Amino acid sequence: MNNPTTKPSKAGRGQPFSIRARLNSFRYALDGLRQFFAGQHNAIVHAVATVTVIVLCIVLKLNATEWILITIVTALVWMAELFNTAIEKLCDLVSPGFNPKVKFIKDVAAAAVLVSAIVAAITGLIIFIPKLI
């Protein structure tokens, strides 16, 4: 979780453990989340969906197992979207113009988000439909 604008970390290469370096790694990760939300429209869509699902979970009084399943599939979607965004940005940096190989990479990364969202939706339907009926 190193910030690319700073010197590469030497942690794990003979350097002593540093609480400051660990705190910085969290700061970089939080900065990545801030940038993600500021620049990605899909982040807002996922945030609205996540809040809606959480409210539904509370209203329908899900049990612990159901909460765990919803949490896992929700995290899966968020992780896929974050990785997809990182891959797209890297591709744009490496190959700013159109490149069919880069298009393939971006399309496959986007497909990972789609697959995770479909799995999350199916999981939600399996859990929520019986409670709504």
C-alpha atoms as a PDB file:
ATOM      1  CA  MET A   1       0.000   0.000   0.000  1.00  0.00           C
ATOM      2  CA  ASN A   2       2.799   2.411  -0.804  1.00  0.00           C
ATOM      3  CA  ASN A   3       2.004   5.796  -2.232  1.00  0.00           C
ATOM      4  CA  PRO A   4       3.653   5.999  -5.680  1.00  0.00           C
ATOM      5  CA  THR A   5       4.598   9.631  -5.040  1.00  0.00           C
ATOM      6  CA  THR A   6       6.850   8.666  -2.147  1.00  0.00           C
ATOM      7  CA  LYS A   7      10.028   6.665  -1.950  1.00  0.00           C
ATOM      8  CA  PRO A   8       9.458   2.905  -2.157  1.00  0.00           C
ATOM      9  CA  SER A   9       9.106   1.272   1.220  1.00  0.00           C
ATOM     10  CA  LYS A  10      11.990  -0.801   2.510  1.00  0.00           C
ATOM     11  CA  ALA A  11       9.796  -2.510   5.085  1.00  0.00           C
ATOM     12  CA  GLY A  12      10.561  -6.179   5.303  1.00  0.00           C
ATOM     13  CA  ARG A  13      14.063  -5.645   3.911  1.00  0.00           C
ATOM     14  CA  GLY A  14      16.038  -5.296   7.096  1.00  0.00           C
ATOM     15  CA  GLN A  15      14.236  -2.150   8.262  1.00  0.00           C
ATOM     16  CA  PRO A  16      12.816  -2.112  11.782  1.00  0.00           C
ATOM     17  CA  PHE A  17       9.065  -2.133  12.292  1.00  0.00           C
ATOM     18  CA  SER A  18       7.652   1.378  12.153  1.00  0.00           C
ATOM     19  CA  ILE A  19       4.269   2.400  13.531  1.00  0.00           C
ATOM     20  CA  ARG A  20       4.527   5.594  11.478  1.00  0.00           C
ATOM     21  CA  ALA A  21       4.954   3.560   8.259  1.00  0.00           C
ATOM     22  CA  ARG A  22       1.964   1.384   9.186  1.00  0.00           C
ATOM     23  CA  LEU A  23      -0.162   4.474   9.875  1.00  0.00           C
ATOM     24  CA  ASN A  24       0.954   5.963   6.557  1.00  0.00           C
ATOM     25  CA  SER A  25      -0.155   2.803   4.748  1.00  0.00           C
ATOM     26  CA  PHE A  26      -3.648   3.283   6.199  1.00  0.00           C
ATOM     27  CA  ARG A  27      -3.569   6.950   5.196  1.00  0.00           C
ATOM     28  CA  TYR A  28      -2.677   5.982   1.612  1.00  0.00           C
ATOM     29  CA  ALA A  29      -5.489   3.421   1.522  1.00  0.00           C
ATOM     30  CA  LEU A  30      -8.000   5.952   2.828  1.00  0.00           C
ATOM     31  CA  ASP A  31      -6.736   8.470   0.279  1.00  0.00           C
ATOM     32  CA  GLY A  32      -7.334   5.831  -2.405  1.00  0.00           C
ATOM     33  CA  LEU A  33     -10.921   5.411  -1.194  1.00  0.00           C
ATOM     34  CA  ARG A  34     -11.421   9.185  -1.206  1.00  0.00           C
ATOM     35  CA  GLN A  35     -10.123   9.425  -4.771  1.00  0.00           C
ATOM     36  CA  PHE A  36     -12.255   6.449  -5.790  1.00  0.00           C
ATOM     37  CA  PHE A  37     -15.439   8.078  -4.482  1.00  0.00           C
ATOM     38  CA  ALA A  38     -14.515  11.465  -5.940  1.00  0.00           C
ATOM     39  CA  GLY A  39     -13.844  10.177  -9.429  1.00  0.00           C
ATOM     40  CA  GLN A  40     -15.946   7.085 -10.030  1.00  0.00           C
ATOM     41  CA  HIS A  41     -19.686   7.355 -10.695  1.00  0.00           C
ATOM     42  CA  ASN A  42     -20.130   3.634 -10.046  1.00  0.00           C
ATOM     43  CA  ALA A  43     -18.911   4.186  -6.481  1.00  0.00           C
ATOM     44  CA  ILE A  44     -22.023   6.248  -5.780  1.00  0.00           C
ATOM     45  CA  VAL A  45     -24.246   3.552  -7.321  1.00  0.00           C
ATOM     46  CA  HIS A  46     -22.586   0.897  -5.140  1.00  0.00           C
ATOM     47  CA  ALA A  47     -22.849   3.128  -2.055  1.00  0.00           C
ATOM     48  CA  VAL A  48     -26.602   3.645  -2.576  1.00  0.00           C
ATOM     49  CA  ALA A  49     -27.077  -0.090  -3.142  1.00  0.00           C
ATOM     50  CA  THR A  50     -25.052  -0.906  -0.021  1.00  0.00           C
ATOM     51  CA  VAL A  51     -27.040   1.482   2.179  1.00  0.00           C
ATOM     52  CA  THR A  52     -30.308   0.113   0.758  1.00  0.00           C
ATOM     53  CA  VAL A  53     -29.220  -3.464   1.498  1.00  0.00           C
ATOM     54  CA  ILE A  54     -28.143  -2.561   5.041  1.00  0.00           C
ATOM     55  CA  VAL A  55     -31.503  -0.916   5.736  1.00  0.00           C
ATOM     56  CA  LEU A  56     -33.296  -3.958   4.312  1.00  0.00           C
ATOM     57  CA  CYS A  57     -31.185  -6.255   6.510  1.00  0.00           C
ATOM     58  CA  ILE A  58     -32.138  -4.262   9.603  1.00  0.00           C
ATOM     59  CA  VAL A  59     -35.832  -4.030   8.721  1.00  0.00           C
ATOM     60  CA  LEU A  60     -36.076  -7.739   7.902  1.00  0.00           C
ATOM     61  CA  LYS A  61     -34.085  -8.690  11.027  1.00  0.00           C
ATOM     62  CA  LEU A  62     -31.568 -10.962   9.353  1.00  0.00           C
ATOM     63  CA  ASN A  63     -29.854 -13.555  11.509  1.00  0.00           C
ATOM     64  CA  ALA A  64     -26.070 -13.647  11.941  1.00  0.00           C
ATOM     65  CA  THR A  65     -25.476 -16.107   9.091  1.00  0.00           C
ATOM     66  CA  GLU A  66     -27.539 -14.022   6.677  1.00  0.00           C
ATOM     67  CA  TRP A  67     -25.690 -10.857   7.725  1.00  0.00           C
ATOM     68  CA  ILE A  68     -22.359 -12.592   7.154  1.00  0.00           C
ATOM     69  CA  LEU A  69     -23.392 -13.734   3.667  1.00  0.00           C
ATOM     70  CA  ILE A  70     -24.655 -10.276   2.712  1.00  0.00           C
ATOM     71  CA  THR A  71     -21.488  -8.696   4.099  1.00  0.00           C
ATOM     72  CA  ILE A  72     -19.253 -11.061   2.116  1.00  0.00           C
ATOM     73  CA  VAL A  73     -21.015 -10.558  -1.212  1.00  0.00           C
ATOM     74  CA  THR A  74     -21.192  -6.796  -0.670  1.00  0.00           C
ATOM     75  CA  ALA A  75     -17.460  -6.699   0.046  1.00  0.00           C
ATOM     76  CA  LEU A  76     -16.861  -8.827  -3.039  1.00  0.00           C
ATOM     77  CA  VAL A  77     -18.594  -6.233  -5.227  1.00  0.00           C
ATOM     78  CA  TRP A  78     -16.672  -3.351  -3.631  1.00  0.00           C
ATOM     79  CA  MET A  79     -13.355  -5.168  -4.018  1.00  0.00           C
ATOM     80  CA  ALA A  80     -14.076  -6.006  -7.654  1.00  0.00           C
ATOM     81  CA  GLU A  81     -14.969  -2.371  -8.383  1.00  0.00           C
ATOM     82  CA  LEU A  82     -11.836  -1.096  -6.640  1.00  0.00           C
ATOM     83  CA  PHE A  83      -9.598  -3.538  -8.534  1.00  0.00           C
ATOM     84  CA  ASN A  84     -11.385  -2.713 -11.788  1.00  0.00           C
ATOM     85  CA  THR A  85     -10.755   1.001 -11.245  1.00  0.00           C
ATOM     86  CA  ALA A  86      -7.084   0.398 -10.451  1.00  0.00           C
ATOM     87  CA  ILE A  87      -6.666  -1.794 -13.542  1.00  0.00           C
ATOM     88  CA  GLU A  88      -8.367   0.801 -15.763  1.00  0.00           C
ATOM     89  CA  LYS A  89      -6.166   3.615 -14.427  1.00  0.00           C
ATOM     90  CA  LEU A  90      -3.031   1.513 -14.906  1.00  0.00           C
ATOM     91  CA  CYS A  91      -4.072   0.632 -18.459  1.00  0.00           C
ATOM     92  CA  ASP A  92      -4.709   4.312 -19.240  1.00  0.00           C
ATOM     93  CA  LEU A  93      -1.265   5.187 -17.899  1.00  0.00           C
ATOM     94  CA  VAL A  94       0.550   2.450 -19.820  1.00  0.00           C
ATOM     95  CA  SER A  95      -1.402   2.821 -23.059  1.00  0.00           C
ATOM     96  CA  PRO A  96      -3.194   6.179 -23.376  1.00  0.00           C
ATOM     97  CA  GLY A  97      -4.410   5.536 -26.929  1.00  0.00           C
ATOM     98  CA  PHE A  98      -6.709   2.802 -28.116  1.00  0.00           C
ATOM     99  CA  ASN A  99      -5.194  -0.650 -27.911  1.00  0.00           C
ATOM    100  CA  PRO A 100      -7.255  -3.820 -28.483  1.00  0.00           C
ATOM    101  CA  LYS A 101      -5.239  -5.693 -25.845  1.00  0.00           C
ATOM    102  CA  VAL A 102      -5.936  -2.962 -23.286  1.00  0.00           C
ATOM    103  CA  LYS A 103      -9.621  -3.024 -24.253  1.00  0.00           C
ATOM    104  CA  PHE A 104      -9.657  -6.756 -23.537  1.00  0.00           C
ATOM    105  CA  ILE A 105      -8.046  -6.218 -20.126  1.00  0.00           C
ATOM    106  CA  LYS A 106     -10.522  -3.467 -19.216  1.00  0.00           C
ATOM    107  CA  ASP A 107     -13.483  -5.503 -20.449  1.00  0.00           C
ATOM    108  CA  VAL A 108     -12.449  -8.548 -18.415  1.00  0.00           C
ATOM    109  CA  ALA A 109     -11.917  -6.401 -15.304  1.00  0.00           C
ATOM    110  CA  ALA A 110     -15.384  -4.881 -15.795  1.00  0.00           C
ATOM    111  CA  ALA A 111     -16.799  -8.386 -16.253  1.00  0.00           C
ATOM    112  CA  ALA A 112     -15.412  -9.297 -12.819  1.00  0.00           C
ATOM    113  CA  VAL A 113     -17.498  -6.489 -11.326  1.00  0.00           C
ATOM    114  CA  LEU A 114     -20.550  -7.697 -13.223  1.00  0.00           C
ATOM    115  CA  VAL A 115     -20.090 -11.288 -12.050  1.00  0.00           C
ATOM    116  CA  SER A 116     -19.655 -10.193  -8.421  1.00  0.00           C
ATOM    117  CA  ALA A 117     -22.762  -7.979  -8.656  1.00  0.00           C
ATOM    118  CA  ILE A 118     -24.809 -10.849 -10.120  1.00  0.00           C
ATOM    119  CA  VAL A 119     -23.673 -13.194  -7.334  1.00  0.00           C
ATOM    120  CA  ALA A 120     -24.532 -10.518  -4.752  1.00  0.00           C
ATOM    121  CA  ALA A 121     -27.967  -9.989  -6.296  1.00  0.00           C
ATOM    122  CA  ILE A 122     -28.707 -13.728  -6.361  1.00  0.00           C
ATOM    123  CA  THR A 123     -27.573 -14.056  -2.741  1.00  0.00           C
ATOM    124  CA  GLY A 124     -29.764 -11.110  -1.766  1.00  0.00           C
ATOM    125  CA  LEU A 125     -32.769 -12.580  -3.566  1.00  0.00           C
ATOM    126  CA  ILE A 126     -32.297 -15.955  -1.877  1.00  0.00           C
ATOM    127  CA  ILE A 127     -32.189 -14.281   1.537  1.00  0.00           C
ATOM    128  CA  PHE A 128     -34.730 -11.466   1.079  1.00  0.00           C
ATOM    129  CA  ILE A 129     -37.537 -13.035  -1.001  1.00  0.00           C
ATOM    130  CA  PRO A 130     -38.656 -15.566   1.648  1.00  0.00           C
ATOM    131  CA  LYS A 131     -38.671 -12.803   4.267  1.00  0.00           C
ATOM    132  CA  LEU A 132     -40.715 -10.481   2.038  1.00  0.00           C
ATOM    133  CA  ILE A 133     -43.311 -13.130   1.148  1.00  0.00           C
END
